[in-house]
N, C-alpha and C. Protein backbone atom coordinates (compact mmCIF):
# COMPACT_ATOMS: atom_id res chain seq x y z
N MET A 1 0.93 -1.45 0.25
CA MET A 1 0.29 0.02 0.12
C MET A 1 0.58 1.45 0.60
N THR A 2 0.37 1.77 -0.95
CA THR A 2 1.28 3.05 -0.87
C THR A 2 0.40 4.37 -0.73
N ALA A 3 0.60 5.40 -0.19
CA ALA A 3 -0.06 6.65 -0.26
C ALA A 3 0.34 7.71 -1.57
N LYS A 4 -0.48 7.84 -1.93
CA LYS A 4 -0.74 8.98 -2.93
C LYS A 4 -1.36 9.95 -3.20
N PHE A 5 -1.14 11.20 -3.97
CA PHE A 5 -2.60 12.02 -4.40
C PHE A 5 -3.41 11.49 -4.71
N ASP A 6 -4.28 12.38 -4.64
CA ASP A 6 -5.31 11.83 -5.85
C ASP A 6 -6.38 13.16 -6.06
N TRP A 7 -5.49 14.47 -4.87
CA TRP A 7 -5.92 16.00 -5.64
C TRP A 7 -4.79 17.08 -5.13
N TYR A 8 -4.44 17.55 -5.89
CA TYR A 8 -3.34 18.64 -5.46
C TYR A 8 -3.56 20.50 -6.14
N THR A 9 -3.68 20.99 -5.17
CA THR A 9 -3.98 22.22 -5.74
C THR A 9 -2.68 23.14 -4.85
N ALA A 10 -2.28 24.04 -5.97
CA ALA A 10 -1.12 25.19 -5.74
C ALA A 10 -1.17 26.17 -5.51
N SER A 11 -0.78 27.70 -4.89
CA SER A 11 -0.58 28.87 -5.35
C SER A 11 0.78 28.86 -5.00
N ILE A 12 1.17 29.50 -6.40
CA ILE A 12 2.61 29.48 -6.34
C ILE A 12 2.79 30.76 -6.99
N PRO A 13 3.84 31.51 -6.19
CA PRO A 13 4.78 32.83 -6.55
C PRO A 13 5.52 32.92 -8.01
N THR A 14 4.98 32.88 -9.30
CA THR A 14 5.56 32.91 -10.41
C THR A 14 4.44 33.50 -11.45
N LYS A 15 5.22 33.40 -12.42
CA LYS A 15 4.45 33.88 -13.73
C LYS A 15 3.36 32.73 -14.23
N PRO A 16 2.58 33.29 -14.61
CA PRO A 16 1.84 31.70 -15.19
C PRO A 16 1.79 31.04 -16.16
N GLN A 17 3.16 31.90 -16.96
CA GLN A 17 3.69 31.13 -18.58
C GLN A 17 4.78 30.31 -18.06
N TRP A 18 5.43 30.43 -16.79
CA TRP A 18 6.39 30.05 -16.74
C TRP A 18 5.35 28.12 -15.78
N VAL A 19 4.42 28.06 -14.91
CA VAL A 19 3.54 26.85 -15.41
C VAL A 19 3.66 26.41 -15.93
N ILE A 20 2.78 27.20 -16.76
CA ILE A 20 1.66 26.44 -17.90
C ILE A 20 3.38 25.61 -18.64
N ASP A 21 4.39 26.65 -18.79
CA ASP A 21 5.71 25.53 -19.48
C ASP A 21 6.21 24.61 -18.87
N CYS A 22 6.09 24.52 -17.36
CA CYS A 22 7.04 23.64 -16.86
C CYS A 22 5.85 22.27 -16.54
N LEU A 23 4.61 22.22 -16.95
CA LEU A 23 3.33 21.00 -16.84
C LEU A 23 3.51 20.81 -18.10
N THR A 24 3.30 21.48 -18.83
CA THR A 24 3.62 20.92 -20.94
C THR A 24 4.48 20.12 -21.12
N SER A 25 5.55 20.97 -20.52
CA SER A 25 7.26 19.86 -20.91
C SER A 25 7.04 19.22 -20.06
N ASP A 26 6.50 18.48 -19.17
CA ASP A 26 6.60 17.15 -17.84
C ASP A 26 5.26 16.26 -18.47
N PHE A 27 3.80 17.20 -18.92
CA PHE A 27 3.20 16.18 -19.78
C PHE A 27 3.55 15.82 -21.00
N GLU A 28 3.96 14.58 -21.55
CA GLU A 28 3.92 14.19 -23.10
C GLU A 28 2.80 14.34 -24.12
N PHE A 29 2.90 15.21 -24.92
CA PHE A 29 1.95 15.00 -25.91
C PHE A 29 1.11 16.02 -25.42
N SER A 30 0.78 16.95 -24.27
CA SER A 30 0.29 17.85 -24.38
C SER A 30 0.35 19.81 -24.74
N GLU A 31 -0.93 20.53 -24.02
CA GLU A 31 -0.97 21.70 -24.75
C GLU A 31 -1.66 22.34 -23.58
N PRO A 32 -1.64 23.51 -23.88
CA PRO A 32 -2.63 24.60 -23.21
C PRO A 32 -3.49 25.16 -24.12
N LEU A 33 -4.39 25.01 -22.96
CA LEU A 33 -5.90 25.41 -23.86
C LEU A 33 -7.24 26.32 -23.16
N PRO A 34 -7.00 27.41 -24.62
CA PRO A 34 -8.40 28.33 -23.02
C PRO A 34 -9.20 27.86 -22.28
N ALA A 35 -9.39 28.20 -20.99
CA ALA A 35 -10.29 27.08 -20.03
C ALA A 35 -11.35 28.84 -19.06
N THR A 36 -12.63 28.38 -18.99
CA THR A 36 -13.27 29.01 -17.87
C THR A 36 -12.43 29.45 -16.89
N PRO A 37 -12.34 30.53 -16.39
CA PRO A 37 -11.81 30.80 -15.18
C PRO A 37 -12.84 31.09 -13.73
N LYS A 38 -12.51 30.25 -12.74
CA LYS A 38 -13.72 30.33 -11.59
C LYS A 38 -12.92 30.73 -11.02
N GLN A 39 -13.70 30.99 -9.42
CA GLN A 39 -12.98 31.63 -7.80
C GLN A 39 -12.47 33.05 -8.29
N GLY A 40 -13.13 33.94 -9.18
CA GLY A 40 -12.82 34.92 -9.06
C GLY A 40 -11.61 35.62 -9.68
N TYR A 41 -10.95 34.41 -10.92
CA TYR A 41 -9.85 34.69 -11.25
C TYR A 41 -10.31 35.26 -12.90
N GLU A 42 -9.46 36.03 -13.23
CA GLU A 42 -9.36 36.42 -14.50
C GLU A 42 -9.17 35.60 -15.83
N ARG A 43 -7.90 34.78 -15.79
CA ARG A 43 -7.32 34.05 -17.21
C ARG A 43 -7.56 32.54 -16.60
N ALA A 44 -7.39 31.75 -17.04
CA ALA A 44 -7.65 30.04 -16.89
C ALA A 44 -6.88 29.42 -18.82
N VAL A 45 -6.44 28.28 -18.14
CA VAL A 45 -5.88 27.47 -19.24
C VAL A 45 -6.57 25.79 -18.88
N LYS A 46 -6.49 24.90 -19.47
CA LYS A 46 -6.22 23.61 -18.75
C LYS A 46 -5.60 22.96 -19.86
N ILE A 47 -4.48 22.57 -19.36
CA ILE A 47 -3.29 21.39 -19.73
C ILE A 47 -3.96 20.45 -20.44
N SER A 48 -4.25 19.93 -21.62
CA SER A 48 -5.08 18.43 -22.24
C SER A 48 -3.44 17.93 -22.92
N ARG A 49 -4.00 16.48 -22.89
CA ARG A 49 -3.56 15.56 -24.08
C ARG A 49 -4.72 15.44 -25.21
N GLY A 50 -5.42 15.79 -25.71
CA GLY A 50 -6.77 15.14 -26.16
C GLY A 50 -7.44 15.45 -26.04
N GLU A 51 -8.66 14.91 -25.29
CA GLU A 51 -9.97 15.41 -24.85
C GLU A 51 -9.66 14.88 -23.02
N THR A 52 -8.56 14.87 -22.71
CA THR A 52 -8.21 14.29 -21.56
C THR A 52 -7.50 15.83 -20.84
N THR A 53 -8.12 16.65 -19.63
CA THR A 53 -7.81 17.53 -19.07
C THR A 53 -6.67 16.64 -17.52
N LEU A 54 -5.56 17.66 -17.88
CA LEU A 54 -4.29 16.81 -16.77
C LEU A 54 -4.22 17.49 -15.85
N ALA A 55 -4.54 19.04 -16.00
CA ALA A 55 -4.23 19.85 -14.60
C ALA A 55 -5.10 21.41 -15.57
N THR A 56 -5.36 22.16 -14.67
CA THR A 56 -5.87 23.59 -14.43
C THR A 56 -4.69 24.39 -14.00
N VAL A 57 -4.67 25.67 -14.63
CA VAL A 57 -4.36 26.59 -14.44
C VAL A 57 -4.84 28.39 -14.34
N MET A 58 -4.82 28.76 -12.92
CA MET A 58 -5.68 30.03 -13.24
C MET A 58 -4.96 31.42 -12.72
N TRP A 59 -5.13 31.90 -12.89
CA TRP A 59 -4.60 33.59 -12.65
C TRP A 59 -5.48 35.31 -12.82
N GLY A 60 -4.38 36.27 -12.23
CA GLY A 60 -5.11 36.77 -12.29
C GLY A 60 -6.39 37.43 -11.63
N GLY A 61 -7.18 38.56 -11.62
CA GLY A 61 -8.58 38.92 -10.85
C GLY A 61 -8.15 39.48 -9.75
N ASN A 62 -9.01 39.41 -8.60
CA ASN A 62 -9.07 40.24 -7.30
C ASN A 62 -8.62 39.39 -6.30
N THR A 63 -7.88 37.93 -7.01
CA THR A 63 -7.21 36.39 -5.85
C THR A 63 -5.83 36.62 -5.62
N GLY A 64 -5.14 38.03 -6.41
CA GLY A 64 -3.84 38.07 -5.43
C GLY A 64 -2.96 37.50 -7.00
N SER A 65 -1.52 38.23 -6.83
CA SER A 65 -0.64 38.04 -7.71
C SER A 65 -0.42 35.90 -7.84
N ASN A 66 -0.38 35.38 -6.82
CA ASN A 66 0.09 33.89 -7.22
C ASN A 66 -0.67 33.55 -8.58
N VAL A 67 -0.20 32.36 -8.62
CA VAL A 67 -0.97 31.31 -9.87
C VAL A 67 -1.64 30.23 -9.00
N TYR A 68 -2.97 30.09 -9.61
CA TYR A 68 -3.55 28.50 -8.69
C TYR A 68 -3.35 27.46 -9.93
N ALA A 69 -2.92 26.32 -9.55
CA ALA A 69 -2.86 25.34 -10.21
C ALA A 69 -3.26 24.17 -9.58
N SER A 70 -4.43 23.20 -10.03
CA SER A 70 -4.47 22.08 -9.59
C SER A 70 -4.96 21.12 -10.60
N ALA A 71 -4.77 19.56 -9.90
CA ALA A 71 -5.21 18.62 -11.11
C ALA A 71 -6.17 17.16 -9.80
N SER A 72 -6.66 16.33 -10.02
CA SER A 72 -7.17 15.27 -9.40
C SER A 72 -6.73 14.18 -10.09
N GLY A 73 -7.01 13.19 -9.44
CA GLY A 73 -7.53 11.58 -10.13
C GLY A 73 -6.08 10.84 -10.20
N GLY A 74 -6.07 10.71 -11.29
CA GLY A 74 -4.65 9.80 -11.93
C GLY A 74 -3.58 11.25 -12.52
N ASP A 75 -3.74 11.99 -12.71
CA ASP A 75 -2.87 12.83 -12.89
C ASP A 75 -2.68 13.93 -11.78
N ALA A 76 -3.02 13.74 -10.66
CA ALA A 76 -2.30 14.59 -9.38
C ALA A 76 -1.03 13.98 -9.28
N PRO A 77 -0.97 12.50 -9.07
CA PRO A 77 0.85 12.38 -8.53
C PRO A 77 1.52 12.81 -9.25
N ALA A 78 1.73 12.70 -10.51
CA ALA A 78 2.36 13.71 -11.67
C ALA A 78 2.21 14.80 -11.55
N PHE A 79 1.14 15.28 -11.79
CA PHE A 79 1.06 17.05 -11.29
C PHE A 79 1.73 17.62 -10.18
N SER A 80 1.38 16.83 -8.55
CA SER A 80 1.96 17.13 -7.55
C SER A 80 4.28 17.03 -7.64
N ALA A 81 4.47 16.45 -8.29
CA ALA A 81 5.75 16.18 -8.66
C ALA A 81 6.55 16.94 -9.28
N VAL A 82 5.41 17.48 -10.05
CA VAL A 82 6.36 18.92 -11.03
C VAL A 82 6.40 20.08 -10.10
N ILE A 83 5.03 20.29 -9.65
CA ILE A 83 5.61 21.76 -8.82
C ILE A 83 5.81 21.15 -7.65
N ARG A 84 6.33 20.54 -6.96
CA ARG A 84 6.94 20.27 -6.17
C ARG A 84 8.61 20.26 -5.74
N ARG A 85 8.70 20.08 -7.33
CA ARG A 85 10.15 19.97 -7.85
C ARG A 85 10.61 21.31 -7.96
N GLU A 86 9.40 21.85 -9.11
CA GLU A 86 10.37 23.00 -10.06
C GLU A 86 9.45 24.20 -8.72
N PHE A 87 8.57 24.33 -7.95
CA PHE A 87 8.09 25.39 -7.12
C PHE A 87 8.19 25.32 -6.03
N PRO A 88 9.07 24.67 -5.08
CA PRO A 88 9.42 24.19 -3.92
C PRO A 88 8.87 25.25 -2.91
N GLY A 89 8.74 26.53 -3.34
CA GLY A 89 7.53 27.55 -2.38
C GLY A 89 6.74 27.72 -2.67
N HIS A 90 5.75 26.87 -3.33
CA HIS A 90 4.24 27.18 -3.53
C HIS A 90 3.79 27.12 -1.77
N GLY A 91 2.77 27.68 -2.18
CA GLY A 91 1.87 26.73 -1.02
C GLY A 91 0.81 26.23 -1.26
N LEU A 92 0.29 25.42 -0.53
CA LEU A 92 -0.78 24.30 -0.38
C LEU A 92 -1.92 24.81 -0.16
N ILE A 93 -2.99 24.79 -1.14
CA ILE A 93 -4.11 24.99 -1.06
C ILE A 93 -4.76 23.56 -0.64
N ARG A 94 -4.63 22.81 -1.34
CA ARG A 94 -5.56 21.55 -1.03
C ARG A 94 -4.90 20.36 -1.29
N ALA A 95 -4.69 19.20 -0.50
CA ALA A 95 -4.01 18.36 -0.88
C ALA A 95 -5.05 16.65 -0.35
N ASP A 96 -5.53 15.96 -1.06
CA ASP A 96 -5.91 14.60 -0.66
C ASP A 96 -5.21 13.67 -1.03
N VAL A 97 -5.06 13.13 -0.20
CA VAL A 97 -4.18 11.55 -0.14
C VAL A 97 -4.86 10.52 0.05
N ALA A 98 -4.71 9.61 -0.93
CA ALA A 98 -5.87 7.84 -1.00
C ALA A 98 -4.52 7.15 -0.87
N LEU A 99 -5.02 6.07 0.13
CA LEU A 99 -4.51 5.18 0.60
C LEU A 99 -5.79 3.93 0.12
N ASP A 100 -5.47 2.83 -0.56
CA ASP A 100 -6.41 1.64 -1.44
C ASP A 100 -5.44 0.93 -0.65
N PHE A 101 -6.68 -0.85 -0.12
CA PHE A 101 -6.99 -1.72 0.61
C PHE A 101 -7.40 -2.57 -0.31
N ASP A 102 -7.21 -3.52 -0.56
CA ASP A 102 -8.04 -4.23 -1.60
C ASP A 102 -8.26 -6.15 -0.92
N GLU A 103 -8.42 -6.17 0.08
CA GLU A 103 -8.54 -7.46 0.71
C GLU A 103 -9.89 -7.56 1.45
N GLU A 104 -9.81 -8.99 1.83
CA GLU A 104 -11.44 -9.16 2.44
C GLU A 104 -11.56 -8.64 3.72
N GLY A 105 -12.54 -8.12 4.39
CA GLY A 105 -12.38 -7.30 6.05
C GLY A 105 -11.60 -6.03 5.67
N ALA A 106 -11.27 -5.42 4.75
CA ALA A 106 -10.51 -4.39 4.63
C ALA A 106 -11.77 -3.54 5.17
N TRP A 107 -12.98 -3.18 4.52
CA TRP A 107 -14.65 -2.40 5.13
C TRP A 107 -14.55 -2.38 6.43
N GLU A 108 -14.70 -3.32 7.12
CA GLU A 108 -14.67 -3.65 8.39
C GLU A 108 -13.77 -3.07 9.30
N SER A 109 -12.75 -3.55 9.33
CA SER A 109 -11.72 -3.19 9.92
C SER A 109 -11.18 -1.74 9.76
N LEU A 110 -11.24 -1.08 8.65
CA LEU A 110 -11.07 0.32 8.55
C LEU A 110 -12.09 1.65 9.27
N SER A 111 -13.70 0.70 8.88
CA SER A 111 -14.49 1.31 9.35
C SER A 111 -14.60 1.67 10.47
N GLY A 112 -14.15 0.49 11.38
CA GLY A 112 -14.28 0.77 13.13
C GLY A 112 -13.08 1.51 13.16
N LEU A 113 -12.43 1.94 12.43
CA LEU A 113 -10.98 2.79 13.34
C LEU A 113 -11.34 4.00 12.64
N ALA A 114 -11.77 4.23 11.72
CA ALA A 114 -13.01 5.55 11.65
C ALA A 114 -13.97 5.85 12.66
N ILE A 115 -14.74 5.38 13.08
CA ILE A 115 -15.94 5.18 13.88
C ILE A 115 -14.95 5.49 15.34
N ALA A 116 -14.08 4.89 15.88
CA ALA A 116 -13.21 4.85 16.68
C ALA A 116 -12.31 5.89 17.18
N THR A 117 -11.29 6.59 15.76
CA THR A 117 -11.45 8.22 15.79
C THR A 117 -12.60 9.22 16.05
N ALA A 118 -13.25 9.27 15.35
CA ALA A 118 -14.63 9.93 15.42
C ALA A 118 -15.21 10.22 16.93
N ASP A 119 -15.32 8.61 17.64
CA ASP A 119 -15.45 8.80 18.77
C ASP A 119 -14.41 9.70 20.18
N LYS A 120 -13.41 9.11 19.35
CA LYS A 120 -12.26 9.60 20.65
C LYS A 120 -11.91 11.24 20.64
N PHE A 121 -12.21 11.63 19.54
CA PHE A 121 -11.64 13.34 19.30
C PHE A 121 -13.85 13.72 18.83
N GLY A 122 -14.27 13.09 19.03
CA GLY A 122 -15.38 13.96 18.94
C GLY A 122 -15.67 14.16 17.76
N LEU A 123 -15.34 13.83 16.58
CA LEU A 123 -15.81 14.63 15.58
C LEU A 123 -17.12 14.16 14.92
N LYS A 124 -17.67 14.78 14.12
CA LYS A 124 -19.03 14.54 13.10
C LYS A 124 -18.75 13.39 12.32
N VAL A 125 -19.71 12.04 12.20
CA VAL A 125 -19.42 11.47 11.47
C VAL A 125 -21.27 10.92 10.08
N ASP A 126 -21.10 11.06 9.09
CA ASP A 126 -21.85 10.94 8.38
C ASP A 126 -21.80 9.71 7.80
N HIS A 127 -22.60 8.59 7.36
CA HIS A 127 -23.00 7.81 7.14
C HIS A 127 -24.12 7.47 5.24
N HIS A 128 -23.08 7.13 4.40
CA HIS A 128 -24.00 7.11 3.03
C HIS A 128 -23.77 6.47 2.04
N GLY A 129 -24.48 5.92 1.73
CA GLY A 129 -25.15 4.75 0.91
C GLY A 129 -25.79 3.56 1.23
N ASP A 130 -25.10 2.26 0.81
CA ASP A 130 -26.53 0.73 1.11
C ASP A 130 -25.80 0.09 2.07
N PHE A 131 -25.96 0.94 3.22
CA PHE A 131 -25.31 -0.30 4.84
C PHE A 131 -26.93 -0.78 4.90
N HIS A 132 -28.04 -1.00 4.31
CA HIS A 132 -28.76 -2.13 4.76
C HIS A 132 -27.92 -3.46 3.79
N ARG A 133 -28.12 -3.68 2.28
CA ARG A 133 -27.80 -5.12 1.66
C ARG A 133 -26.24 -5.08 1.40
N GLN A 134 -25.43 -3.81 1.56
CA GLN A 134 -24.26 -3.51 1.26
C GLN A 134 -23.47 -3.92 -0.04
N GLN A 135 -24.14 -3.65 -1.17
CA GLN A 135 -24.17 -4.45 -2.79
C GLN A 135 -23.79 -3.14 -3.41
N ASN A 136 -24.22 -1.77 -2.76
CA ASN A 136 -23.42 -1.01 -3.96
C ASN A 136 -22.48 0.47 -3.57
N GLY A 137 -22.16 -0.08 -2.17
CA GLY A 137 -21.17 1.04 -1.96
C GLY A 137 -21.32 1.34 -0.32
N ARG A 138 -20.57 1.92 0.18
CA ARG A 138 -20.98 2.37 1.82
C ARG A 138 -19.82 3.67 1.81
N THR A 139 -20.61 5.01 2.52
CA THR A 139 -18.92 6.23 2.31
C THR A 139 -19.01 6.02 4.02
N ILE A 140 -18.16 6.40 4.13
CA ILE A 140 -18.54 7.11 5.85
C ILE A 140 -17.76 8.61 6.01
N ASN A 141 -18.15 9.63 6.12
CA ASN A 141 -17.23 11.03 6.22
C ASN A 141 -17.35 11.27 7.92
N ILE A 142 -16.06 11.16 8.48
CA ILE A 142 -15.32 12.06 9.53
C ILE A 142 -14.88 12.97 9.44
N GLY A 143 -15.39 14.23 10.07
CA GLY A 143 -15.09 15.69 10.75
C GLY A 143 -15.78 16.54 9.66
N SER A 144 -15.21 17.21 9.43
CA SER A 144 -16.10 18.31 8.45
C SER A 144 -15.19 18.73 7.28
N ARG A 145 -15.61 18.93 6.41
CA ARG A 145 -14.88 19.26 4.79
C ARG A 145 -14.38 20.82 4.94
N THR A 146 -14.45 21.37 6.13
CA THR A 146 -14.13 23.45 6.59
C THR A 146 -13.01 22.65 7.31
N SER A 147 -12.68 21.40 8.03
CA SER A 147 -11.70 21.52 8.91
C SER A 147 -10.46 21.34 8.13
N ALA A 148 -9.29 21.52 8.90
CA ALA A 148 -8.14 20.96 8.40
C ALA A 148 -7.46 19.42 7.85
N ALA A 149 -8.90 18.89 8.74
CA ALA A 149 -8.15 17.39 8.44
C ALA A 149 -9.49 17.01 7.97
N TYR A 150 -10.47 16.22 7.43
CA TYR A 150 -11.56 15.43 6.94
C TYR A 150 -10.86 13.93 6.57
N LYS A 151 -11.79 12.68 6.63
CA LYS A 151 -11.40 11.82 6.40
C LYS A 151 -12.65 11.07 5.81
N ARG A 152 -12.43 10.59 4.61
CA ARG A 152 -13.48 10.06 3.95
C ARG A 152 -13.38 8.44 3.73
N LEU A 153 -14.32 7.50 4.34
CA LEU A 153 -13.86 6.34 3.74
C LEU A 153 -14.77 5.68 2.97
N TYR A 154 -14.50 4.91 1.58
CA TYR A 154 -15.60 4.30 0.65
C TYR A 154 -15.60 3.35 0.11
N GLU A 155 -15.72 2.42 -0.22
CA GLU A 155 -16.16 1.19 -0.90
C GLU A 155 -15.49 1.22 -2.67
N LYS A 156 -14.52 1.57 -2.93
CA LYS A 156 -13.92 1.98 -4.38
C LYS A 156 -14.29 0.78 -5.10
N GLY A 157 -14.52 -0.09 -5.08
CA GLY A 157 -14.11 -0.89 -6.13
C GLY A 157 -15.93 -1.84 -6.03
N LYS A 158 -17.17 -0.66 -5.00
CA LYS A 158 -18.38 -1.07 -5.21
C LYS A 158 -18.43 -0.08 -6.24
N GLN A 159 -18.22 1.13 -5.93
CA GLN A 159 -18.37 2.43 -6.42
C GLN A 159 -18.49 2.12 -8.26
N LEU A 160 -17.26 1.90 -8.33
CA LEU A 160 -17.39 1.25 -9.53
C LEU A 160 -17.38 0.55 -10.64
N LYS A 161 -18.45 -0.48 -9.77
CA LYS A 161 -18.78 -1.81 -10.10
C LYS A 161 -17.85 -2.56 -10.85
N LEU A 162 -17.08 -2.95 -9.98
CA LEU A 162 -15.86 -3.97 -10.09
C LEU A 162 -16.22 -5.18 -9.56
N GLU A 163 -16.47 -6.13 -10.10
CA GLU A 163 -17.05 -7.33 -9.78
C GLU A 163 -15.75 -8.09 -9.01
N ASP A 164 -14.51 -8.02 -9.96
CA ASP A 164 -13.43 -8.77 -9.21
C ASP A 164 -12.40 -7.99 -8.09
N HIS A 165 -13.22 -6.79 -7.55
CA HIS A 165 -12.72 -6.10 -6.93
C HIS A 165 -13.35 -5.61 -5.27
N PRO A 166 -13.83 -6.28 -5.15
CA PRO A 166 -15.46 -6.18 -4.27
C PRO A 166 -15.32 -5.66 -2.78
N HIS A 167 -13.98 -6.25 -2.28
CA HIS A 167 -13.07 -5.48 -1.23
C HIS A 167 -12.60 -4.41 -1.37
N TRP A 168 -12.00 -3.41 -2.71
CA TRP A 168 -11.54 -2.39 -2.59
C TRP A 168 -11.94 -1.18 -1.88
N VAL A 169 -11.20 -0.75 -0.89
CA VAL A 169 -11.75 0.36 -0.12
C VAL A 169 -10.53 1.54 -0.34
N ARG A 170 -11.06 2.66 -0.25
CA ARG A 170 -10.22 3.93 -0.09
C ARG A 170 -10.86 4.45 0.58
């Protein structure tokens, strides 16, 4: 089991073009394409390879002088490696770390640990999903999305409907 970034967002004190150039040179066969800016930014590009968006870069507007850059899912580990290597002084805005377990009993062990942690520290607990029949996947959220630490445990194999990985928990 290896921890990996599943989402990485950085605030980078540099010029937008330098971030774009670093990402396109590291992501083979990629190109920057215009994108719709969000969150008060004036300009945005997506670093794309064909139809796939690998990362998003935004800047300008009432957001300060830093460049906002983000990637999620399978592209987040490579993206975070580029950002951490090329811009060691960046500010971390969001980092989701994923740990995958794929063995019988993983849900029972990990959900018990999650609930015990919540009880020990008085954290909020939210249950979502199929806790009755346990066929369509379950999710437990510990803490608040607005706090510094937030934990989500869910049945990834059931979410993706992977019959050959019914015990995959993230």
